[in-house]
All heavy atoms as atom14 arrays in JSON, in Angstrom:
{
  "sequence": "DIEVPDDKITSRLSGRRVCSKCGNSYHILY",
  "atom14_mask": [
    [1, 1, 1, 1, 1, 1, 1, 1, 0, 0, 0, 0, 0, 0],
    [1, 1, 1, 1, 1, 1, 1, 1, 0, 0, 0, 0, 0, 0],
    [1, 1, 1, 1, 1, 1, 1, 1, 1, 0, 0, 0, 0, 0],
    [1, 1, 1, 1, 1, 1, 1, 0, 0, 0, 0, 0, 0, 0],
    [1, 1, 1, 1, 1, 1, 1, 0, 0, 0, 0, 0, 0, 0],
    [1, 1, 1, 1, 1, 1, 1, 1, 0, 0, 0, 0, 0, 0],
    [1, 1, 1, 1, 1, 1, 1, 1, 0, 0, 0, 0, 0, 0],
    [1, 1, 1, 1, 1, 1, 1, 1, 1, 0, 0, 0, 0, 0],
    [1, 1, 1, 1, 1, 1, 1, 1, 0, 0, 0, 0, 0, 0],
    [1, 1, 1, 1, 1, 1, 1, 0, 0, 0, 0, 0, 0, 0],
    [1, 1, 1, 1, 1, 1, 0, 0, 0, 0, 0, 0, 0, 0],
    [1, 1, 1, 1, 1, 1, 1, 1, 1, 1, 1, 0, 0, 0],
    [1, 1, 1, 1, 1, 1, 1, 1, 0, 0, 0, 0, 0, 0],
    [1, 1, 1, 1, 1, 1, 0, 0, 0, 0, 0, 0, 0, 0],
    [1, 1, 1, 1, 0, 0, 0, 0, 0, 0, 0, 0, 0, 0],
    [1, 1, 1, 1, 1, 1, 1, 1, 1, 1, 1, 0, 0, 0],
    [1, 1, 1, 1, 1, 1, 1, 1, 1, 1, 1, 0, 0, 0],
    [1, 1, 1, 1, 1, 1, 1, 0, 0, 0, 0, 0, 0, 0],
    [1, 1, 1, 1, 1, 1, 0, 0, 0, 0, 0, 0, 0, 0],
    [1, 1, 1, 1, 1, 1, 0, 0, 0, 0, 0, 0, 0, 0],
    [1, 1, 1, 1, 1, 1, 1, 1, 1, 0, 0, 0, 0, 0],
    [1, 1, 1, 1, 1, 1, 0, 0, 0, 0, 0, 0, 0, 0],
    [1, 1, 1, 1, 0, 0, 0, 0, 0, 0, 0, 0, 0, 0],
    [1, 1, 1, 1, 1, 1, 1, 1, 0, 0, 0, 0, 0, 0],
    [1, 1, 1, 1, 1, 1, 0, 0, 0, 0, 0, 0, 0, 0],
    [1, 1, 1, 1, 1, 1, 1, 1, 1, 1, 1, 1, 0, 0],
    [1, 1, 1, 1, 1, 1, 1, 1, 1, 1, 0, 0, 0, 0],
    [1, 1, 1, 1, 1, 1, 1, 1, 0, 0, 0, 0, 0, 0],
    [1, 1, 1, 1, 1, 1, 1, 1, 0, 0, 0, 0, 0, 0],
    [1, 1, 1, 1, 1, 1, 1, 1, 1, 1, 1, 1, 0, 0]
  ],
  "atom14_positions": [
    [[214.98, -32.89, -70.4], [214.67, -31.48, -70.17], [214.37, -31.26, -68.7], [213.41, -31.83, -68.17], [213.46, -31.07, -71.03], [213.02, -29.65, -70.73], [213.88, -28.76, -70.64], [211.8, -29.44, -70.59], [0.0, 0.0, 0.0], [0.0, 0.0, 0.0], [0.0, 0.0, 0.0], [0.0, 0.0, 0.0], [0.0, 0.0, 0.0], [0.0, 0.0, 0.0]],
    [[215.19, -30.45, -68.03], [214.97, -30.14, -66.61], [214.18, -28.84, -66.53], [214.67, -27.78, -66.93], [216.31, -30.04, -65.86], [217.05, -31.39, -65.97], [216.08, -29.67, -64.39], [218.43, -31.37, -65.4], [0.0, 0.0, 0.0], [0.0, 0.0, 0.0], [0.0, 0.0, 0.0], [0.0, 0.0, 0.0], [0.0, 0.0, 0.0], [0.0, 0.0, 0.0]],
    [[212.95, -28.94, -66.04], [212.02, -27.81, -66.01], [212.01, -27.14, -64.64], [211.75, -27.8, -63.63], [210.6, -28.31, -66.32], [210.38, -28.69, -67.76], [210.05, -27.48, -68.62], [209.18, -26.7, -68.26], [210.7, -27.35, -69.66], [0.0, 0.0, 0.0], [0.0, 0.0, 0.0], [0.0, 0.0, 0.0], [0.0, 0.0, 0.0], [0.0, 0.0, 0.0]],
    [[212.3, -25.85, -64.63], [212.2, -25.05, -63.41], [211.53, -23.73, -63.8], [211.94, -23.1, -64.77], [213.59, -24.77, -62.79], [213.46, -23.89, -61.55], [214.3, -26.08, -62.43], [0.0, 0.0, 0.0], [0.0, 0.0, 0.0], [0.0, 0.0, 0.0], [0.0, 0.0, 0.0], [0.0, 0.0, 0.0], [0.0, 0.0, 0.0], [0.0, 0.0, 0.0]],
    [[210.48, -23.3, -63.07], [209.8, -22.05, -63.42], [210.75, -20.85, -63.39], [211.69, -20.8, -62.59], [208.72, -21.92, -62.33], [208.54, -23.29, -61.79], [209.86, -23.97, -61.91], [0.0, 0.0, 0.0], [0.0, 0.0, 0.0], [0.0, 0.0, 0.0], [0.0, 0.0, 0.0], [0.0, 0.0, 0.0], [0.0, 0.0, 0.0], [0.0, 0.0, 0.0]],
    [[210.46, -19.87, -64.24], [211.32, -18.69, -64.35], [211.5, -17.97, -63.02], [212.59, -17.5, -62.7], [210.75, -17.7, -65.37], [211.02, -18.12, -66.8], [211.54, -19.24, -67.0], [210.71, -17.35, -67.72], [0.0, 0.0, 0.0], [0.0, 0.0, 0.0], [0.0, 0.0, 0.0], [0.0, 0.0, 0.0], [0.0, 0.0, 0.0], [0.0, 0.0, 0.0]],
    [[210.42, -17.87, -62.23], [210.54, -17.12, -60.97], [211.5, -17.81, -60.01], [212.26, -17.14, -59.28], [209.17, -16.91, -60.32], [208.43, -18.2, -60.02], [208.77, -19.25, -60.6], [207.5, -18.17, -59.19], [0.0, 0.0, 0.0], [0.0, 0.0, 0.0], [0.0, 0.0, 0.0], [0.0, 0.0, 0.0], [0.0, 0.0, 0.0], [0.0, 0.0, 0.0]],
    [[211.52, -19.14, -60.02], [212.45, -19.87, -59.15], [213.89, -19.71, -59.64], [214.81, -19.58, -58.84], [212.07, -21.35, -59.07], [210.82, -21.61, -58.25], [210.64, -23.08, -57.94], [209.45, -23.3, -57.03], [209.26, -24.73, -56.7], [0.0, 0.0, 0.0], [0.0, 0.0, 0.0], [0.0, 0.0, 0.0], [0.0, 0.0, 0.0], [0.0, 0.0, 0.0]],
    [[214.07, -19.75, -60.95], [215.41, -19.55, -61.51], [215.92, -18.17, -61.17], [217.08, -18.0, -60.74], [215.39, -19.76, -63.04], [215.27, -21.25, -63.37], [216.67, -19.19, -63.69], [215.14, -21.57, -64.83], [0.0, 0.0, 0.0], [0.0, 0.0, 0.0], [0.0, 0.0, 0.0], [0.0, 0.0, 0.0], [0.0, 0.0, 0.0], [0.0, 0.0, 0.0]],
    [[215.06, -17.16, -61.32], [215.47, -15.79, -61.01], [215.86, -15.67, -59.54], [216.87, -15.04, -59.2], [214.33, -14.81, -61.34], [214.0, -14.93, -62.72], [214.75, -13.37, -61.06], [0.0, 0.0, 0.0], [0.0, 0.0, 0.0], [0.0, 0.0, 0.0], [0.0, 0.0, 0.0], [0.0, 0.0, 0.0], [0.0, 0.0, 0.0], [0.0, 0.0, 0.0]],
    [[215.08, -16.31, -58.67], [215.39, -16.28, -57.23], [216.72, -16.98, -56.94], [217.55, -16.48, -56.18], [214.27, -16.95, -56.45], [214.59, -17.07, -55.09], [0.0, 0.0, 0.0], [0.0, 0.0, 0.0], [0.0, 0.0, 0.0], [0.0, 0.0, 0.0], [0.0, 0.0, 0.0], [0.0, 0.0, 0.0], [0.0, 0.0, 0.0], [0.0, 0.0, 0.0]],
    [[216.92, -18.13, -57.58], [218.17, -18.89, -57.39], [219.39, -18.07, -57.8], [220.37, -17.96, -57.07], [218.15, -20.17, -58.23], [217.4, -21.33, -57.67], [217.56, -22.52, -58.6], [216.69, -23.63, -58.25], [216.64, -24.77, -58.92], [217.4, -24.94, -59.99], [215.83, -25.73, -58.55], [0.0, 0.0, 0.0], [0.0, 0.0, 0.0], [0.0, 0.0, 0.0]],
    [[219.32, -17.53, -59.01], [220.49, -16.86, -59.57], [220.72, -15.47, -58.97], [221.84, -15.12, -58.61], [220.37, -16.75, -61.1], [220.33, -18.08, -61.86], [220.34, -17.83, -63.36], [221.51, -18.97, -61.49], [0.0, 0.0, 0.0], [0.0, 0.0, 0.0], [0.0, 0.0, 0.0], [0.0, 0.0, 0.0], [0.0, 0.0, 0.0], [0.0, 0.0, 0.0]],
    [[219.65, -14.69, -58.86], [219.84, -13.31, -58.37], [220.14, -13.29, -56.88], [220.63, -12.28, -56.36], [218.62, -12.45, -58.68], [217.47, -12.95, -58.03], [0.0, 0.0, 0.0], [0.0, 0.0, 0.0], [0.0, 0.0, 0.0], [0.0, 0.0, 0.0], [0.0, 0.0, 0.0], [0.0, 0.0, 0.0], [0.0, 0.0, 0.0], [0.0, 0.0, 0.0]],
    [[219.89, -14.41, -56.19], [220.22, -14.49, -54.76], [221.64, -14.94, -54.47], [222.07, -14.95, -53.32], [0.0, 0.0, 0.0], [0.0, 0.0, 0.0], [0.0, 0.0, 0.0], [0.0, 0.0, 0.0], [0.0, 0.0, 0.0], [0.0, 0.0, 0.0], [0.0, 0.0, 0.0], [0.0, 0.0, 0.0], [0.0, 0.0, 0.0], [0.0, 0.0, 0.0]],
    [[222.38, -15.31, -55.49], [223.76, -15.77, -55.27], [224.67, -14.6, -54.92], [224.54, -13.51, -55.47], [224.31, -16.48, -56.52], [223.7, -17.84, -56.74], [224.47, -18.7, -57.7], [224.62, -18.13, -59.03], [224.84, -18.86, -60.13], [224.9, -20.18, -60.03], [224.97, -18.28, -61.3], [0.0, 0.0, 0.0], [0.0, 0.0, 0.0], [0.0, 0.0, 0.0]],
    [[225.62, -14.86, -54.03], [226.65, -13.89, -53.7], [227.99, -14.61, -53.69], [228.08, -15.76, -53.23], [226.39, -13.25, -52.33], [225.08, -12.47, -52.23], [225.08, -11.22, -53.1], [223.86, -10.43, -52.93], [222.76, -10.59, -53.66], [222.71, -11.54, -54.59], [221.7, -9.81, -53.45], [0.0, 0.0, 0.0], [0.0, 0.0, 0.0], [0.0, 0.0, 0.0]],
    [[229.01, -13.94, -54.16], [230.34, -14.55, -54.27], [231.35, -13.68, -53.53], [231.3, -12.44, -53.61], [230.75, -14.69, -55.76], [232.14, -15.28, -55.88], [229.75, -15.56, -56.51], [0.0, 0.0, 0.0], [0.0, 0.0, 0.0], [0.0, 0.0, 0.0], [0.0, 0.0, 0.0], [0.0, 0.0, 0.0], [0.0, 0.0, 0.0], [0.0, 0.0, 0.0]],
    [[232.27, -14.33, -52.83], [233.3, -13.59, -52.1], [234.27, -12.95, -53.1], [234.81, -13.63, -53.98], [234.06, -14.5, -51.15], [235.4, -13.64, -50.28], [0.0, 0.0, 0.0], [0.0, 0.0, 0.0], [0.0, 0.0, 0.0], [0.0, 0.0, 0.0], [0.0, 0.0, 0.0], [0.0, 0.0, 0.0], [0.0, 0.0, 0.0], [0.0, 0.0, 0.0]],
    [[234.49, -11.65, -52.91], [235.38, -10.92, -53.82], [236.84, -11.29, -53.62], [237.68, -11.02, -54.48], [235.21, -9.41, -53.63], [235.43, -9.05, -52.28], [0.0, 0.0, 0.0], [0.0, 0.0, 0.0], [0.0, 0.0, 0.0], [0.0, 0.0, 0.0], [0.0, 0.0, 0.0], [0.0, 0.0, 0.0], [0.0, 0.0, 0.0], [0.0, 0.0, 0.0]],
    [[237.16, -11.97, -52.5], [238.55, -12.36, -52.23], [238.83, -13.82, -52.6], [239.7, -14.11, -53.4], [238.89, -12.14, -50.75], [239.14, -10.69, -50.36], [239.64, -10.64, -48.91], [239.9, -9.19, -48.48], [240.33, -9.15, -47.06], [0.0, 0.0, 0.0], [0.0, 0.0, 0.0], [0.0, 0.0, 0.0], [0.0, 0.0, 0.0], [0.0, 0.0, 0.0]],
    [[238.06, -14.74, -51.99], [238.38, -16.17, -52.16], [237.47, -16.89, -53.14], [237.73, -18.04, -53.52], [238.38, -16.89, -50.82], [236.73, -17.1, -50.08], [0.0, 0.0, 0.0], [0.0, 0.0, 0.0], [0.0, 0.0, 0.0], [0.0, 0.0, 0.0], [0.0, 0.0, 0.0], [0.0, 0.0, 0.0], [0.0, 0.0, 0.0], [0.0, 0.0, 0.0]],
    [[236.36, -16.25, -53.54], [235.47, -16.87, -54.53], [234.43, -17.81, -53.97], [233.65, -18.4, -54.73], [0.0, 0.0, 0.0], [0.0, 0.0, 0.0], [0.0, 0.0, 0.0], [0.0, 0.0, 0.0], [0.0, 0.0, 0.0], [0.0, 0.0, 0.0], [0.0, 0.0, 0.0], [0.0, 0.0, 0.0], [0.0, 0.0, 0.0], [0.0, 0.0, 0.0]],
    [[234.38, -17.99, -52.64], [233.35, -18.85, -52.05], [231.96, -18.33, -52.38], [231.75, -17.13, -52.48], [233.52, -18.91, -50.53], [234.52, -19.98, -50.11], [235.07, -20.67, -50.94], [234.77, -20.08, -48.81], [0.0, 0.0, 0.0], [0.0, 0.0, 0.0], [0.0, 0.0, 0.0], [0.0, 0.0, 0.0], [0.0, 0.0, 0.0], [0.0, 0.0, 0.0]],
    [[231.03, -19.27, -52.55], [229.69, -18.9, -53.01], [228.66, -19.04, -51.88], [228.72, -19.98, -51.08], [229.3, -19.8, -54.19], [228.05, -19.42, -54.7], [0.0, 0.0, 0.0], [0.0, 0.0, 0.0], [0.0, 0.0, 0.0], [0.0, 0.0, 0.0], [0.0, 0.0, 0.0], [0.0, 0.0, 0.0], [0.0, 0.0, 0.0], [0.0, 0.0, 0.0]],
    [[227.73, -18.1, -51.84], [226.66, -18.09, -50.84], [225.34, -17.79, -51.54], [225.3, -17.51, -52.74], [226.93, -17.02, -49.77], [228.19, -17.27, -48.98], [229.42, -16.82, -49.46], [228.17, -17.95, -47.77], [230.59, -17.05, -48.76], [229.33, -18.19, -47.05], [230.54, -17.74, -47.54], [231.69, -17.97, -46.84], [0.0, 0.0, 0.0], [0.0, 0.0, 0.0]],
    [[224.25, -17.83, -50.75], [222.93, -17.46, -51.28], [222.14, -16.77, -50.17], [222.18, -17.23, -49.01], [222.18, -18.69, -51.79], [221.02, -18.36, -52.66], [219.81, -17.92, -52.16], [220.88, -18.37, -54.02], [218.97, -17.7, -53.16], [219.6, -17.95, -54.29], [0.0, 0.0, 0.0], [0.0, 0.0, 0.0], [0.0, 0.0, 0.0], [0.0, 0.0, 0.0]],
    [[221.44, -15.71, -50.53], [220.74, -14.93, -49.51], [219.58, -15.7, -48.87], [219.11, -15.33, -47.79], [220.23, -13.58, -50.08], [219.25, -13.8, -51.24], [221.39, -12.7, -50.52], [218.59, -12.52, -51.74], [0.0, 0.0, 0.0], [0.0, 0.0, 0.0], [0.0, 0.0, 0.0], [0.0, 0.0, 0.0], [0.0, 0.0, 0.0], [0.0, 0.0, 0.0]],
    [[219.13, -16.8, -49.52], [218.05, -17.61, -48.95], [218.52, -18.99, -48.51], [218.15, -19.48, -47.45], [216.91, -17.78, -49.97], [216.15, -16.53, -50.39], [215.12, -16.88, -51.44], [215.48, -15.87, -49.19], [0.0, 0.0, 0.0], [0.0, 0.0, 0.0], [0.0, 0.0, 0.0], [0.0, 0.0, 0.0], [0.0, 0.0, 0.0], [0.0, 0.0, 0.0]],
    [[219.34, -19.64, -49.35], [219.64, -21.06, -49.14], [221.0, -21.33, -48.48], [221.2, -22.4, -47.93], [219.6, -21.8, -50.49], [218.33, -21.57, -51.25], [218.34, -20.97, -52.51], [217.1, -21.94, -50.71], [217.16, -20.74, -53.21], [215.92, -21.72, -51.41], [215.95, -21.12, -52.65], [214.79, -20.9, -53.34], [0.0, 0.0, 0.0], [0.0, 0.0, 0.0]]
  ]
}
């Protein structure tokens, strides 16, 4: 079981951004 607090998961996922053309992935923090 890999435990990560909900607030960190929300930050990880909601901070993701994806290129609408090529699909490359970014993050507003990391």
